[in-house]
Amino acid sequence: MSLQTLFEQAVADSKDLPERPDNMTLLKIYALFKQASCGDVEGKRPGFTDMVGRAKYDAWDGLKGTLKEEAMQQYIDLIAGLKG
């Protein structure tokens, strides 16, 4: 199976995890997904009134420079670990 196929399967699996991950893990899942799908973060950082948007932006920004393929593999590994 290709890395892209495994990534797409992990995305599908992420919607059906046995239990909801904690917020830090959810941010990691989000950031890895965005890095794998879109590459480095672009645009302005949300203002302090948008706490959720700001946290998501910061998590994604923390992966700046990570290759898409590397982000895909980390995402696949993270979801596999959460599935149990």
N, C-alpha and C. Protein backbone atom coordinates (compact mmCIF):
# COMPACT_ATOMS: atom_id res chain seq x y z
N MET A 1 0.83 -1.19 0.00
CA MET A 1 0.00 0.00 0.00
C MET A 1 0.87 1.25 0.00
N SER A 2 0.41 2.27 -0.70
CA SER A 2 1.16 3.52 -0.75
C SER A 2 0.97 4.30 0.54
N LEU A 3 1.88 5.22 0.79
CA LEU A 3 1.80 6.06 1.98
C LEU A 3 0.51 6.87 1.96
N GLN A 4 0.13 7.36 0.78
CA GLN A 4 -1.11 8.14 0.64
C GLN A 4 -2.32 7.30 1.02
N THR A 5 -2.35 6.05 0.58
CA THR A 5 -3.47 5.16 0.90
C THR A 5 -3.52 4.88 2.40
N LEU A 6 -2.36 4.63 3.00
CA LEU A 6 -2.31 4.39 4.45
C LEU A 6 -2.76 5.63 5.22
N PHE A 7 -2.36 6.81 4.73
CA PHE A 7 -2.76 8.07 5.36
C PHE A 7 -4.28 8.24 5.29
N GLU A 8 -4.85 8.00 4.12
CA GLU A 8 -6.30 8.13 3.95
C GLU A 8 -7.04 7.15 4.86
N GLN A 9 -6.51 5.95 5.02
CA GLN A 9 -7.12 4.97 5.92
C GLN A 9 -7.03 5.45 7.37
N ALA A 10 -5.89 6.03 7.74
CA ALA A 10 -5.72 6.55 9.11
C ALA A 10 -6.69 7.70 9.37
N VAL A 11 -6.92 8.55 8.35
CA VAL A 11 -7.89 9.64 8.50
C VAL A 11 -9.28 9.06 8.76
N ALA A 12 -9.65 8.03 8.01
CA ALA A 12 -10.94 7.38 8.23
C ALA A 12 -11.00 6.75 9.62
N ASP A 13 -9.91 6.09 10.03
CA ASP A 13 -9.84 5.45 11.35
C ASP A 13 -9.94 6.48 12.48
N SER A 14 -9.43 7.69 12.24
CA SER A 14 -9.42 8.71 13.29
C SER A 14 -10.83 9.12 13.70
N LYS A 15 -11.78 8.91 12.82
CA LYS A 15 -13.16 9.27 13.11
C LYS A 15 -13.87 8.20 13.94
N ASP A 16 -13.22 7.08 14.14
CA ASP A 16 -13.85 5.95 14.83
C ASP A 16 -12.93 5.38 15.92
N LEU A 17 -12.30 6.26 16.68
CA LEU A 17 -11.41 5.80 17.75
C LEU A 17 -12.24 5.30 18.93
N PRO A 18 -11.68 4.34 19.71
CA PRO A 18 -12.43 3.79 20.83
C PRO A 18 -12.77 4.83 21.90
N GLU A 19 -11.92 5.84 22.08
CA GLU A 19 -12.24 6.92 23.02
C GLU A 19 -11.67 8.23 22.50
N ARG A 20 -12.28 9.32 22.93
CA ARG A 20 -11.85 10.64 22.47
C ARG A 20 -10.51 10.99 23.09
N PRO A 21 -9.53 11.36 22.24
CA PRO A 21 -8.21 11.73 22.76
C PRO A 21 -8.28 13.04 23.56
N ASP A 22 -7.27 13.27 24.40
CA ASP A 22 -7.21 14.52 25.14
C ASP A 22 -6.92 15.67 24.17
N ASN A 23 -7.07 16.89 24.65
CA ASN A 23 -6.93 18.06 23.77
C ASN A 23 -5.55 18.19 23.14
N MET A 24 -4.50 17.87 23.87
CA MET A 24 -3.15 17.96 23.31
C MET A 24 -2.97 16.97 22.16
N THR A 25 -3.52 15.78 22.32
CA THR A 25 -3.44 14.77 21.27
C THR A 25 -4.28 15.19 20.07
N LEU A 26 -5.45 15.77 20.33
CA LEU A 26 -6.28 16.27 19.24
C LEU A 26 -5.56 17.36 18.44
N LEU A 27 -4.85 18.23 19.13
CA LEU A 27 -4.07 19.27 18.45
C LEU A 27 -2.97 18.65 17.60
N LYS A 28 -2.33 17.62 18.12
CA LYS A 28 -1.27 16.93 17.37
C LYS A 28 -1.85 16.27 16.12
N ILE A 29 -3.01 15.62 16.26
CA ILE A 29 -3.68 15.00 15.12
C ILE A 29 -4.00 16.06 14.07
N TYR A 30 -4.56 17.18 14.52
CA TYR A 30 -4.92 18.27 13.61
C TYR A 30 -3.68 18.80 12.88
N ALA A 31 -2.63 19.09 13.64
CA ALA A 31 -1.42 19.67 13.06
C ALA A 31 -0.77 18.73 12.06
N LEU A 32 -0.69 17.45 12.39
CA LEU A 32 -0.10 16.48 11.47
C LEU A 32 -0.94 16.35 10.20
N PHE A 33 -2.27 16.34 10.37
CA PHE A 33 -3.15 16.27 9.21
C PHE A 33 -2.94 17.46 8.28
N LYS A 34 -2.92 18.66 8.86
CA LYS A 34 -2.75 19.87 8.06
C LYS A 34 -1.38 19.91 7.38
N GLN A 35 -0.34 19.51 8.11
CA GLN A 35 1.01 19.51 7.54
C GLN A 35 1.08 18.51 6.39
N ALA A 36 0.48 17.34 6.57
CA ALA A 36 0.50 16.30 5.54
C ALA A 36 -0.35 16.70 4.34
N SER A 37 -1.42 17.43 4.57
CA SER A 37 -2.34 17.79 3.50
C SER A 37 -1.96 19.08 2.78
N CYS A 38 -1.50 20.06 3.54
CA CYS A 38 -1.32 21.41 3.00
C CYS A 38 0.12 21.92 3.04
N GLY A 39 0.98 21.28 3.80
CA GLY A 39 2.34 21.79 3.96
C GLY A 39 2.40 22.81 5.08
N ASP A 40 3.41 23.66 5.04
CA ASP A 40 3.61 24.63 6.12
C ASP A 40 2.43 25.58 6.26
N VAL A 41 2.20 26.00 7.50
CA VAL A 41 1.11 26.92 7.82
C VAL A 41 1.32 28.24 7.09
N GLU A 42 0.22 28.84 6.67
CA GLU A 42 0.25 30.14 6.00
C GLU A 42 -0.79 31.04 6.66
N GLY A 43 -0.66 32.31 6.42
CA GLY A 43 -1.65 33.25 6.94
C GLY A 43 -1.26 33.77 8.31
N LYS A 44 -2.09 34.67 8.80
CA LYS A 44 -1.83 35.29 10.10
C LYS A 44 -2.30 34.41 11.24
N ARG A 45 -1.61 34.53 12.34
CA ARG A 45 -2.00 33.83 13.57
C ARG A 45 -3.26 34.49 14.10
N PRO A 46 -4.28 33.69 14.46
CA PRO A 46 -5.52 34.28 15.00
C PRO A 46 -5.25 35.10 16.26
N GLY A 47 -6.11 36.07 16.49
CA GLY A 47 -5.98 36.93 17.66
C GLY A 47 -6.26 36.19 18.96
N PHE A 48 -5.95 36.86 20.08
CA PHE A 48 -6.08 36.20 21.38
C PHE A 48 -7.52 35.89 21.75
N THR A 49 -8.50 36.48 21.07
CA THR A 49 -9.90 36.17 21.36
C THR A 49 -10.33 34.83 20.75
N ASP A 50 -9.56 34.34 19.78
CA ASP A 50 -9.85 33.05 19.14
C ASP A 50 -8.88 32.01 19.71
N MET A 51 -9.18 31.54 20.92
CA MET A 51 -8.26 30.64 21.62
C MET A 51 -8.06 29.31 20.88
N VAL A 52 -9.14 28.75 20.36
CA VAL A 52 -9.06 27.46 19.66
C VAL A 52 -8.27 27.62 18.36
N GLY A 53 -8.61 28.64 17.59
CA GLY A 53 -7.90 28.89 16.34
C GLY A 53 -6.43 29.13 16.56
N ARG A 54 -6.13 29.85 17.62
CA ARG A 54 -4.74 30.16 17.96
C ARG A 54 -3.98 28.89 18.34
N ALA A 55 -4.60 28.03 19.13
CA ALA A 55 -3.97 26.77 19.54
C ALA A 55 -3.71 25.89 18.32
N LYS A 56 -4.69 25.82 17.42
CA LYS A 56 -4.53 25.02 16.20
C LYS A 56 -3.40 25.58 15.34
N TYR A 57 -3.39 26.90 15.17
CA TYR A 57 -2.35 27.54 14.38
C TYR A 57 -0.97 27.25 14.97
N ASP A 58 -0.84 27.41 16.28
CA ASP A 58 0.45 27.19 16.94
C ASP A 58 0.91 25.74 16.81
N ALA A 59 -0.03 24.79 16.94
CA ALA A 59 0.32 23.38 16.80
C ALA A 59 0.82 23.08 15.39
N TRP A 60 0.13 23.61 14.41
CA TRP A 60 0.51 23.41 13.00
C TRP A 60 1.84 24.10 12.72
N ASP A 61 1.99 25.33 13.23
CA ASP A 61 3.22 26.10 13.02
C ASP A 61 4.43 25.38 13.62
N GLY A 62 4.21 24.60 14.67
CA GLY A 62 5.28 23.85 15.31
C GLY A 62 5.87 22.77 14.42
N LEU A 63 5.16 22.42 13.36
CA LEU A 63 5.62 21.39 12.42
C LEU A 63 6.24 21.99 11.16
N LYS A 64 6.41 23.30 11.15
CA LYS A 64 6.96 23.98 9.96
C LYS A 64 8.27 23.32 9.54
N GLY A 65 8.38 23.05 8.25
CA GLY A 65 9.58 22.42 7.72
C GLY A 65 9.52 20.90 7.66
N THR A 66 8.50 20.31 8.30
CA THR A 66 8.34 18.86 8.25
C THR A 66 7.83 18.47 6.86
N LEU A 67 8.45 17.49 6.25
CA LEU A 67 8.02 17.03 4.93
C LEU A 67 6.62 16.43 5.02
N LYS A 68 5.86 16.58 3.95
CA LYS A 68 4.50 16.03 3.93
C LYS A 68 4.50 14.53 4.21
N GLU A 69 5.45 13.82 3.59
CA GLU A 69 5.51 12.37 3.77
C GLU A 69 5.81 12.00 5.22
N GLU A 70 6.68 12.77 5.84
CA GLU A 70 7.03 12.53 7.25
C GLU A 70 5.82 12.79 8.14
N ALA A 71 5.08 13.85 7.85
CA ALA A 71 3.87 14.17 8.62
C ALA A 71 2.83 13.07 8.44
N MET A 72 2.71 12.56 7.21
CA MET A 72 1.76 11.46 6.96
C MET A 72 2.11 10.25 7.81
N GLN A 73 3.39 9.89 7.83
CA GLN A 73 3.82 8.72 8.59
C GLN A 73 3.58 8.92 10.08
N GLN A 74 3.88 10.11 10.60
CA GLN A 74 3.64 10.39 12.02
C GLN A 74 2.15 10.32 12.34
N TYR A 75 1.32 10.81 11.42
CA TYR A 75 -0.14 10.76 11.60
C TYR A 75 -0.60 9.30 11.65
N ILE A 76 -0.14 8.51 10.69
CA ILE A 76 -0.49 7.08 10.63
C ILE A 76 -0.10 6.38 11.93
N ASP A 77 1.13 6.64 12.40
CA ASP A 77 1.62 6.01 13.63
C ASP A 77 0.81 6.45 14.85
N LEU A 78 0.47 7.73 14.91
CA LEU A 78 -0.31 8.26 16.05
C LEU A 78 -1.68 7.62 16.10
N ILE A 79 -2.36 7.58 14.98
CA ILE A 79 -3.72 6.99 14.94
C ILE A 79 -3.65 5.50 15.26
N ALA A 80 -2.65 4.81 14.73
CA ALA A 80 -2.50 3.38 15.03
C ALA A 80 -2.32 3.17 16.53
N GLY A 81 -1.55 4.02 17.18
CA GLY A 81 -1.35 3.92 18.62
C GLY A 81 -2.62 4.19 19.41
N LEU A 82 -3.46 5.09 18.90
CA LEU A 82 -4.72 5.43 19.58
C LEU A 82 -5.79 4.35 19.39
N LYS A 83 -5.69 3.61 18.30
CA LYS A 83 -6.64 2.54 18.05
C LYS A 83 -6.45 1.38 19.01
N GLY A 84 -5.22 1.30 19.54
CA GLY A 84 -4.96 0.25 20.53
C GLY A 84 -4.38 -0.95 20.00
